[in-house]
Amino acid sequence: MPAKQVPQNTLIVDLVISADEYLKHYKGSVTQVSAFSRDGRRVRFPTAILKPFVSLEGIRGTFAIHFDAAHKFVNIVKVS
């Protein structure tokens, strides 16, 4: 089965951020998340976009980050 094609303006990232680590983001001492997308690109984005996905364990899952032609954030969706 061929790999699913990801739109050019979408990055897929796998995130595991513990509750303790996310607390640093919540308190404002850290304002950016830095991760590698599945295609190997480094991506940085504001911590605030992850707020809807925070649980007692922190943040865990695979996310699709969508952006426009000017590389500005459009939305983020948890895919698993």
N, C-alpha and C. Protein backbone atom coordinates (compact mmCIF):
# COMPACT_ATOMS: atom_id res chain seq x y z
N MET A 1 0.85 -1.18 0.00
CA MET A 1 0.00 0.00 0.00
C MET A 1 0.90 1.24 0.00
N PRO A 2 0.70 2.19 -0.92
CA PRO A 2 1.56 3.38 -0.97
C PRO A 2 1.31 4.29 0.22
N ALA A 3 2.36 5.05 0.58
CA ALA A 3 2.24 6.00 1.69
C ALA A 3 1.24 7.09 1.33
N LYS A 4 0.51 7.56 2.33
CA LYS A 4 -0.47 8.61 2.11
C LYS A 4 0.26 9.91 1.77
N GLN A 5 -0.21 10.59 0.72
CA GLN A 5 0.38 11.84 0.28
C GLN A 5 -0.04 12.97 1.23
N VAL A 6 0.93 13.75 1.69
CA VAL A 6 0.66 14.88 2.58
C VAL A 6 0.71 16.15 1.75
N PRO A 7 -0.32 17.01 1.85
CA PRO A 7 -0.30 18.27 1.10
C PRO A 7 0.96 19.08 1.40
N GLN A 8 1.43 19.82 0.42
CA GLN A 8 2.67 20.58 0.56
C GLN A 8 2.61 21.60 1.70
N ASN A 9 1.44 22.11 2.00
CA ASN A 9 1.33 23.11 3.06
C ASN A 9 0.95 22.49 4.41
N THR A 10 1.34 21.24 4.60
CA THR A 10 1.05 20.53 5.84
C THR A 10 2.30 19.82 6.33
N LEU A 11 2.56 19.93 7.62
CA LEU A 11 3.66 19.17 8.23
C LEU A 11 3.05 18.21 9.24
N ILE A 12 3.55 16.99 9.25
CA ILE A 12 3.12 15.99 10.22
C ILE A 12 4.21 15.86 11.27
N VAL A 13 3.84 16.06 12.53
CA VAL A 13 4.81 15.96 13.62
C VAL A 13 4.27 15.02 14.70
N ASP A 14 5.19 14.26 15.26
CA ASP A 14 4.88 13.39 16.40
C ASP A 14 5.40 14.11 17.64
N LEU A 15 4.53 14.33 18.61
CA LEU A 15 4.92 15.07 19.81
C LEU A 15 4.69 14.25 21.07
N VAL A 16 5.66 14.31 21.94
CA VAL A 16 5.53 13.78 23.30
C VAL A 16 6.11 14.84 24.21
N ILE A 17 5.24 15.55 24.92
CA ILE A 17 5.65 16.60 25.84
C ILE A 17 5.01 16.27 27.19
N SER A 18 5.84 16.02 28.17
CA SER A 18 5.33 15.65 29.50
C SER A 18 4.57 16.83 30.11
N ALA A 19 3.76 16.53 31.11
CA ALA A 19 3.02 17.58 31.81
C ALA A 19 3.98 18.57 32.45
N ASP A 20 5.07 18.07 33.04
CA ASP A 20 6.06 18.97 33.66
C ASP A 20 6.71 19.88 32.63
N GLU A 21 7.03 19.33 31.48
CA GLU A 21 7.65 20.13 30.43
C GLU A 21 6.65 21.16 29.89
N TYR A 22 5.41 20.75 29.70
CA TYR A 22 4.42 21.68 29.18
C TYR A 22 4.16 22.82 30.17
N LEU A 23 4.31 22.55 31.45
CA LEU A 23 4.12 23.58 32.47
C LEU A 23 5.06 24.77 32.22
N LYS A 24 6.27 24.50 31.74
CA LYS A 24 7.21 25.57 31.41
C LYS A 24 6.63 26.44 30.29
N HIS A 25 5.98 25.79 29.34
CA HIS A 25 5.36 26.53 28.24
C HIS A 25 4.17 27.33 28.76
N TYR A 26 3.37 26.71 29.60
CA TYR A 26 2.17 27.36 30.14
C TYR A 26 2.53 28.59 30.96
N LYS A 27 3.60 28.50 31.73
CA LYS A 27 4.03 29.62 32.57
C LYS A 27 4.72 30.72 31.77
N GLY A 28 5.06 30.43 30.51
CA GLY A 28 5.64 31.45 29.65
C GLY A 28 7.15 31.49 29.60
N SER A 29 7.82 30.61 30.37
CA SER A 29 9.28 30.62 30.31
C SER A 29 9.78 30.00 29.00
N VAL A 30 8.94 29.23 28.34
CA VAL A 30 9.22 28.70 27.00
C VAL A 30 8.01 29.02 26.15
N THR A 31 8.22 29.63 24.98
CA THR A 31 7.09 30.06 24.17
C THR A 31 7.00 29.36 22.82
N GLN A 32 8.02 28.59 22.45
CA GLN A 32 8.06 27.91 21.16
C GLN A 32 8.30 26.42 21.35
N VAL A 33 7.71 25.63 20.48
CA VAL A 33 8.00 24.20 20.40
C VAL A 33 8.86 24.00 19.16
N SER A 34 9.89 23.21 19.28
CA SER A 34 10.74 22.87 18.15
C SER A 34 10.68 21.36 17.98
N ALA A 35 10.40 20.93 16.76
CA ALA A 35 10.28 19.50 16.49
C ALA A 35 10.71 19.23 15.05
N PHE A 36 10.88 17.96 14.73
CA PHE A 36 11.14 17.55 13.35
C PHE A 36 9.87 16.95 12.79
N SER A 37 9.53 17.35 11.58
CA SER A 37 8.38 16.76 10.91
C SER A 37 8.78 15.38 10.40
N ARG A 38 7.81 14.59 10.02
CA ARG A 38 8.11 13.24 9.53
C ARG A 38 8.94 13.25 8.26
N ASP A 39 8.92 14.35 7.51
CA ASP A 39 9.75 14.42 6.30
C ASP A 39 11.13 15.01 6.58
N GLY A 40 11.45 15.21 7.87
CA GLY A 40 12.80 15.62 8.25
C GLY A 40 13.01 17.11 8.42
N ARG A 41 12.02 17.92 8.17
CA ARG A 41 12.19 19.37 8.33
C ARG A 41 12.01 19.77 9.79
N ARG A 42 12.83 20.72 10.23
CA ARG A 42 12.66 21.27 11.58
C ARG A 42 11.56 22.32 11.51
N VAL A 43 10.66 22.26 12.49
CA VAL A 43 9.56 23.21 12.54
C VAL A 43 9.51 23.80 13.94
N ARG A 44 9.27 25.11 14.00
CA ARG A 44 9.06 25.79 15.28
C ARG A 44 7.71 26.48 15.22
N PHE A 45 6.98 26.38 16.32
CA PHE A 45 5.67 26.99 16.35
C PHE A 45 5.34 27.40 17.77
N PRO A 46 4.40 28.34 17.92
CA PRO A 46 4.05 28.82 19.26
C PRO A 46 3.39 27.73 20.10
N THR A 47 3.77 27.66 21.34
CA THR A 47 3.19 26.71 22.27
C THR A 47 1.67 26.83 22.32
N ALA A 48 1.16 28.02 22.20
CA ALA A 48 -0.27 28.29 22.36
C ALA A 48 -1.15 27.45 21.44
N ILE A 49 -0.65 27.05 20.27
CA ILE A 49 -1.50 26.28 19.35
C ILE A 49 -1.80 24.88 19.88
N LEU A 50 -1.06 24.45 20.91
CA LEU A 50 -1.26 23.11 21.46
C LEU A 50 -2.25 23.06 22.62
N LYS A 51 -2.70 24.20 23.11
CA LYS A 51 -3.58 24.23 24.28
C LYS A 51 -4.78 23.28 24.20
N PRO A 52 -5.45 23.16 23.06
CA PRO A 52 -6.60 22.26 23.01
C PRO A 52 -6.26 20.78 23.21
N PHE A 53 -4.99 20.44 23.14
CA PHE A 53 -4.59 19.04 23.18
C PHE A 53 -3.91 18.63 24.48
N VAL A 54 -3.86 19.53 25.46
CA VAL A 54 -3.19 19.25 26.73
C VAL A 54 -4.07 18.35 27.59
N SER A 55 -3.46 17.30 28.13
CA SER A 55 -4.15 16.42 29.07
C SER A 55 -3.34 16.39 30.37
N LEU A 56 -3.78 15.62 31.33
CA LEU A 56 -3.04 15.51 32.59
C LEU A 56 -1.65 14.93 32.37
N GLU A 57 -1.47 14.16 31.31
CA GLU A 57 -0.17 13.57 31.00
C GLU A 57 0.71 14.49 30.14
N GLY A 58 0.17 15.60 29.70
CA GLY A 58 0.91 16.51 28.81
C GLY A 58 0.31 16.47 27.42
N ILE A 59 1.17 16.36 26.42
CA ILE A 59 0.72 16.29 25.03
C ILE A 59 1.39 15.09 24.39
N ARG A 60 0.59 14.27 23.75
CA ARG A 60 1.11 13.07 23.09
C ARG A 60 0.26 12.79 21.87
N GLY A 61 0.91 12.62 20.72
CA GLY A 61 0.17 12.27 19.52
C GLY A 61 0.84 12.72 18.25
N THR A 62 0.16 12.47 17.16
CA THR A 62 0.60 12.88 15.83
C THR A 62 -0.32 14.01 15.39
N PHE A 63 0.30 15.09 14.91
CA PHE A 63 -0.44 16.29 14.57
C PHE A 63 -0.12 16.73 13.14
N ALA A 64 -1.15 17.24 12.46
CA ALA A 64 -0.98 17.84 11.15
C ALA A 64 -1.06 19.35 11.34
N ILE A 65 0.02 20.03 11.02
CA ILE A 65 0.06 21.49 11.13
C ILE A 65 -0.10 22.06 9.72
N HIS A 66 -1.14 22.85 9.52
CA HIS A 66 -1.44 23.44 8.22
C HIS A 66 -1.03 24.91 8.23
N PHE A 67 -0.43 25.33 7.12
CA PHE A 67 0.00 26.72 6.99
C PHE A 67 -0.29 27.21 5.58
N ASP A 68 -0.29 28.53 5.41
CA ASP A 68 -0.60 29.10 4.10
C ASP A 68 0.66 29.26 3.26
N ALA A 69 0.49 29.84 2.08
CA ALA A 69 1.61 30.01 1.14
C ALA A 69 2.71 30.90 1.70
N ALA A 70 2.37 31.77 2.65
CA ALA A 70 3.36 32.65 3.28
C ALA A 70 3.95 32.00 4.54
N HIS A 71 3.70 30.71 4.73
CA HIS A 71 4.20 29.94 5.88
C HIS A 71 3.63 30.41 7.20
N LYS A 72 2.44 30.98 7.18
CA LYS A 72 1.76 31.41 8.40
C LYS A 72 0.82 30.30 8.85
N PHE A 73 0.76 30.09 10.15
CA PHE A 73 -0.07 29.06 10.74
C PHE A 73 -1.54 29.25 10.37
N VAL A 74 -2.20 28.15 9.97
CA VAL A 74 -3.63 28.17 9.67
C VAL A 74 -4.37 27.39 10.76
N ASN A 75 -4.00 26.11 10.97
CA ASN A 75 -4.60 25.33 12.05
C ASN A 75 -3.76 24.07 12.33
N ILE A 76 -4.15 23.38 13.39
CA ILE A 76 -3.49 22.15 13.78
C ILE A 76 -4.59 21.15 14.10
N VAL A 77 -4.37 19.90 13.66
CA VAL A 77 -5.33 18.83 13.85
C VAL A 77 -4.60 17.62 14.41
N LYS A 78 -5.16 17.00 15.44
CA LYS A 78 -4.59 15.76 15.96
C LYS A 78 -5.07 14.62 15.08
N VAL A 79 -4.13 13.89 14.50
CA VAL A 79 -4.50 12.80 13.59
C VAL A 79 -4.41 11.42 14.24
N SER A 80 -3.70 11.34 15.34
CA SER A 80 -3.69 10.10 16.13
C SER A 80 -3.03 10.34 17.47
